[in-house]
Amino acid sequence: MRRWILSAVLVFTASTLAAEPPKPDDREKSADKGEKMICKRFTETGSLVRARRVCKTKRDWEREREAIRSMTNSSGSCAGQGLSGGC
């Protein structure tokens, strides 16, 4: 009698585990596109072989790009201001 109950419980447990859909891992859980990890390879100046790899989220790369863009636009140069002639 005990074996029959134990086997029924095991069969029930196995069937519920098999019917359960697979759970997405941590990378698939983040539906936000800004959280995607992007790695870039930068070659060191003066070297053909030596390089460094930098990994950041897409959002971090965009922030860095905007910071560089704002620094170059506010550096006092008139090249990015659309002024022609007497700069």
N, C-alpha and C. Protein backbone atom coordinates (compact mmCIF):
# COMPACT_ATOMS: atom_id res chain seq x y z
N MET A 1 0.82 -1.18 0.00
CA MET A 1 0.00 0.00 0.00
C MET A 1 0.87 1.26 0.00
N ARG A 2 1.93 1.25 0.81
CA ARG A 2 2.82 2.40 0.87
C ARG A 2 3.53 2.61 -0.46
N ARG A 3 3.94 1.54 -1.08
CA ARG A 3 4.62 1.65 -2.37
C ARG A 3 3.69 2.25 -3.42
N TRP A 4 2.44 1.84 -3.38
CA TRP A 4 1.49 2.35 -4.36
C TRP A 4 1.28 3.86 -4.17
N ILE A 5 1.15 4.32 -2.94
CA ILE A 5 0.97 5.74 -2.65
C ILE A 5 2.23 6.52 -3.03
N LEU A 6 3.38 5.98 -2.67
CA LEU A 6 4.64 6.63 -2.99
C LEU A 6 4.83 6.74 -4.50
N SER A 7 4.54 5.69 -5.23
CA SER A 7 4.68 5.74 -6.68
C SER A 7 3.68 6.71 -7.31
N ALA A 8 2.47 6.81 -6.76
CA ALA A 8 1.49 7.76 -7.28
C ALA A 8 1.96 9.19 -7.06
N VAL A 9 2.54 9.46 -5.90
CA VAL A 9 3.05 10.80 -5.61
C VAL A 9 4.22 11.13 -6.54
N LEU A 10 5.11 10.19 -6.76
CA LEU A 10 6.24 10.42 -7.65
C LEU A 10 5.79 10.68 -9.09
N VAL A 11 4.82 9.92 -9.56
CA VAL A 11 4.31 10.11 -10.92
C VAL A 11 3.65 11.48 -11.04
N PHE A 12 2.88 11.86 -10.04
CA PHE A 12 2.22 13.17 -10.06
C PHE A 12 3.25 14.30 -10.06
N THR A 13 4.27 14.18 -9.23
CA THR A 13 5.32 15.20 -9.16
C THR A 13 6.08 15.29 -10.48
N ALA A 14 6.41 14.16 -11.05
CA ALA A 14 7.14 14.15 -12.32
C ALA A 14 6.31 14.76 -13.44
N SER A 15 5.02 14.50 -13.44
CA SER A 15 4.18 15.05 -14.51
C SER A 15 4.02 16.56 -14.38
N THR A 16 3.95 17.07 -13.16
CA THR A 16 3.83 18.52 -12.99
C THR A 16 5.13 19.23 -13.34
N LEU A 17 6.26 18.61 -13.04
CA LEU A 17 7.55 19.21 -13.40
C LEU A 17 7.76 19.20 -14.90
N ALA A 18 7.34 18.14 -15.56
CA ALA A 18 7.51 18.05 -17.01
C ALA A 18 6.59 19.03 -17.73
N ALA A 19 5.43 19.32 -17.19
CA ALA A 19 4.48 20.21 -17.84
C ALA A 19 4.81 21.68 -17.60
N GLU A 20 5.66 21.97 -16.65
CA GLU A 20 6.01 23.35 -16.32
C GLU A 20 6.90 23.93 -17.42
N PRO A 21 6.57 25.11 -17.95
CA PRO A 21 7.40 25.69 -19.01
C PRO A 21 8.77 26.09 -18.46
N PRO A 22 9.78 26.08 -19.30
CA PRO A 22 11.12 26.45 -18.83
C PRO A 22 11.16 27.92 -18.42
N LYS A 23 11.87 28.19 -17.35
CA LYS A 23 11.98 29.55 -16.84
C LYS A 23 13.12 30.26 -17.57
N PRO A 24 12.92 31.52 -17.96
CA PRO A 24 14.00 32.25 -18.62
C PRO A 24 15.10 32.58 -17.63
N ASP A 25 16.33 32.62 -18.12
CA ASP A 25 17.43 32.96 -17.22
C ASP A 25 17.45 34.48 -17.01
N ASP A 26 18.42 34.96 -16.25
CA ASP A 26 18.47 36.37 -15.85
C ASP A 26 18.58 37.31 -17.05
N ARG A 27 19.32 36.91 -18.07
CA ARG A 27 19.47 37.78 -19.23
C ARG A 27 18.16 37.94 -19.99
N GLU A 28 17.39 36.87 -20.06
CA GLU A 28 16.12 36.94 -20.77
C GLU A 28 15.07 37.68 -19.96
N LYS A 29 15.23 37.71 -18.64
CA LYS A 29 14.25 38.38 -17.79
C LYS A 29 14.25 39.88 -18.01
N SER A 30 15.42 40.45 -18.26
CA SER A 30 15.46 41.90 -18.43
C SER A 30 14.96 42.25 -19.82
N ALA A 31 13.74 42.70 -19.87
CA ALA A 31 13.13 43.07 -21.14
C ALA A 31 13.56 44.46 -21.57
N ASP A 32 14.18 45.21 -20.65
CA ASP A 32 14.62 46.55 -20.95
C ASP A 32 15.83 46.49 -21.89
N LYS A 33 15.72 47.15 -23.02
CA LYS A 33 16.80 47.13 -24.01
C LYS A 33 18.05 47.86 -23.52
N GLY A 34 17.90 48.78 -22.57
CA GLY A 34 19.04 49.51 -22.05
C GLY A 34 19.92 48.69 -21.14
N GLU A 35 19.46 47.55 -20.71
CA GLU A 35 20.22 46.69 -19.81
C GLU A 35 21.05 45.65 -20.56
N LYS A 36 20.98 45.64 -21.88
CA LYS A 36 21.75 44.67 -22.66
C LYS A 36 23.23 45.01 -22.56
N MET A 37 24.06 44.00 -22.32
CA MET A 37 25.49 44.19 -22.17
C MET A 37 26.14 44.24 -23.55
N ILE A 38 26.97 45.26 -23.79
CA ILE A 38 27.68 45.42 -25.06
C ILE A 38 29.16 45.54 -24.74
N CYS A 39 29.97 44.72 -25.40
CA CYS A 39 31.42 44.75 -25.22
C CYS A 39 32.07 45.32 -26.48
N LYS A 40 33.01 46.23 -26.28
CA LYS A 40 33.75 46.83 -27.39
C LYS A 40 35.23 46.61 -27.16
N ARG A 41 35.96 46.47 -28.26
CA ARG A 41 37.39 46.22 -28.20
C ARG A 41 38.11 47.46 -28.71
N PHE A 42 39.02 48.01 -27.90
CA PHE A 42 39.76 49.21 -28.26
C PHE A 42 41.24 48.85 -28.41
N THR A 43 41.80 49.11 -29.59
CA THR A 43 43.21 48.85 -29.84
C THR A 43 44.03 49.99 -29.27
N GLU A 44 45.10 49.64 -28.57
CA GLU A 44 45.95 50.66 -27.98
C GLU A 44 46.77 51.35 -29.07
N THR A 45 46.97 52.64 -28.91
CA THR A 45 47.73 53.42 -29.88
C THR A 45 49.17 52.94 -29.93
N GLY A 46 49.67 52.72 -31.14
CA GLY A 46 51.04 52.28 -31.32
C GLY A 46 51.22 50.78 -31.27
N SER A 47 50.16 50.04 -31.14
CA SER A 47 50.26 48.59 -31.08
C SER A 47 49.26 47.97 -32.05
N LEU A 48 49.70 46.95 -32.73
CA LEU A 48 48.81 46.25 -33.65
C LEU A 48 48.09 45.10 -32.96
N VAL A 49 48.65 44.65 -31.86
CA VAL A 49 48.11 43.46 -31.19
C VAL A 49 47.41 43.79 -29.88
N ARG A 50 47.99 44.66 -29.12
CA ARG A 50 47.49 44.93 -27.78
C ARG A 50 46.17 45.71 -27.83
N ALA A 51 45.19 45.19 -27.13
CA ALA A 51 43.88 45.84 -27.09
C ALA A 51 43.25 45.60 -25.73
N ARG A 52 42.25 46.40 -25.43
CA ARG A 52 41.52 46.19 -24.19
C ARG A 52 40.04 46.06 -24.53
N ARG A 53 39.36 45.30 -23.73
CA ARG A 53 37.95 45.04 -23.94
C ARG A 53 37.16 45.71 -22.82
N VAL A 54 36.16 46.50 -23.21
CA VAL A 54 35.34 47.23 -22.24
C VAL A 54 33.90 46.79 -22.43
N CYS A 55 33.28 46.34 -21.34
CA CYS A 55 31.88 45.90 -21.38
C CYS A 55 31.05 46.83 -20.51
N LYS A 56 29.98 47.35 -21.10
CA LYS A 56 29.04 48.23 -20.39
C LYS A 56 27.65 47.94 -20.92
N THR A 57 26.66 48.41 -20.20
CA THR A 57 25.29 48.27 -20.69
C THR A 57 25.07 49.28 -21.80
N LYS A 58 24.05 49.04 -22.59
CA LYS A 58 23.73 49.95 -23.70
C LYS A 58 23.45 51.34 -23.16
N ARG A 59 22.77 51.42 -22.05
CA ARG A 59 22.45 52.71 -21.43
C ARG A 59 23.73 53.45 -21.03
N ASP A 60 24.72 52.73 -20.48
CA ASP A 60 25.98 53.36 -20.09
C ASP A 60 26.75 53.89 -21.30
N TRP A 61 26.77 53.12 -22.40
CA TRP A 61 27.43 53.58 -23.62
C TRP A 61 26.76 54.84 -24.14
N GLU A 62 25.43 54.91 -24.10
CA GLU A 62 24.71 56.09 -24.57
C GLU A 62 24.99 57.30 -23.69
N ARG A 63 25.05 57.10 -22.37
CA ARG A 63 25.38 58.21 -21.44
C ARG A 63 26.78 58.76 -21.73
N GLU A 64 27.73 57.85 -21.93
CA GLU A 64 29.10 58.27 -22.21
C GLU A 64 29.17 59.04 -23.52
N ARG A 65 28.47 58.57 -24.53
CA ARG A 65 28.45 59.24 -25.83
C ARG A 65 27.87 60.66 -25.70
N GLU A 66 26.78 60.78 -24.94
CA GLU A 66 26.16 62.10 -24.74
C GLU A 66 27.07 63.03 -23.95
N ALA A 67 27.78 62.50 -22.96
CA ALA A 67 28.71 63.32 -22.17
C ALA A 67 29.84 63.85 -23.04
N ILE A 68 30.38 63.01 -23.90
CA ILE A 68 31.45 63.43 -24.80
C ILE A 68 30.92 64.46 -25.79
N ARG A 69 29.72 64.22 -26.31
CA ARG A 69 29.12 65.15 -27.26
C ARG A 69 28.89 66.52 -26.62
N SER A 70 28.41 66.54 -25.38
CA SER A 70 28.16 67.82 -24.72
C SER A 70 29.47 68.54 -24.38
N MET A 71 30.53 67.80 -24.05
CA MET A 71 31.82 68.42 -23.77
C MET A 71 32.39 69.06 -25.03
N THR A 72 32.28 68.38 -26.17
CA THR A 72 32.84 68.94 -27.40
C THR A 72 32.02 70.11 -27.90
N ASN A 73 30.72 70.10 -27.67
CA ASN A 73 29.88 71.22 -28.11
C ASN A 73 30.06 72.45 -27.23
N SER A 74 30.40 72.27 -25.96
CA SER A 74 30.54 73.41 -25.05
C SER A 74 31.99 73.82 -24.85
N SER A 75 32.89 73.37 -25.69
CA SER A 75 34.30 73.66 -25.49
C SER A 75 34.70 75.04 -26.00
N GLY A 76 33.76 75.81 -26.53
CA GLY A 76 34.09 77.13 -27.03
C GLY A 76 34.37 77.13 -28.52
N SER A 77 34.33 76.00 -29.14
CA SER A 77 34.56 75.92 -30.56
C SER A 77 33.29 76.30 -31.30
N CYS A 78 33.43 77.01 -32.39
CA CYS A 78 32.25 77.39 -33.15
C CYS A 78 31.97 76.39 -34.26
N ALA A 79 32.75 75.33 -34.36
CA ALA A 79 32.54 74.35 -35.42
C ALA A 79 31.21 73.64 -35.26
N GLY A 80 30.80 73.36 -34.05
CA GLY A 80 29.56 72.64 -33.84
C GLY A 80 28.35 73.54 -33.71
N GLN A 81 28.55 74.87 -33.77
CA GLN A 81 27.45 75.80 -33.57
C GLN A 81 26.81 76.26 -34.86
N GLY A 82 27.35 75.87 -35.99
CA GLY A 82 26.77 76.24 -37.26
C GLY A 82 27.09 77.67 -37.68
N LEU A 83 28.05 78.29 -37.03
CA LEU A 83 28.44 79.65 -37.38
C LEU A 83 29.50 79.60 -38.46
N SER A 84 29.36 80.47 -39.41
CA SER A 84 30.36 80.48 -40.47
C SER A 84 31.07 81.83 -40.46
N GLY A 85 32.26 81.81 -40.89
CA GLY A 85 32.99 83.07 -41.01
C GLY A 85 33.72 83.46 -39.75
N GLY A 86 33.32 84.55 -39.11
CA GLY A 86 34.10 85.21 -38.08
C GLY A 86 34.13 84.56 -36.72
N CYS A 87 34.47 83.31 -36.62
CA CYS A 87 34.60 82.68 -35.31
C CYS A 87 35.91 83.03 -34.70
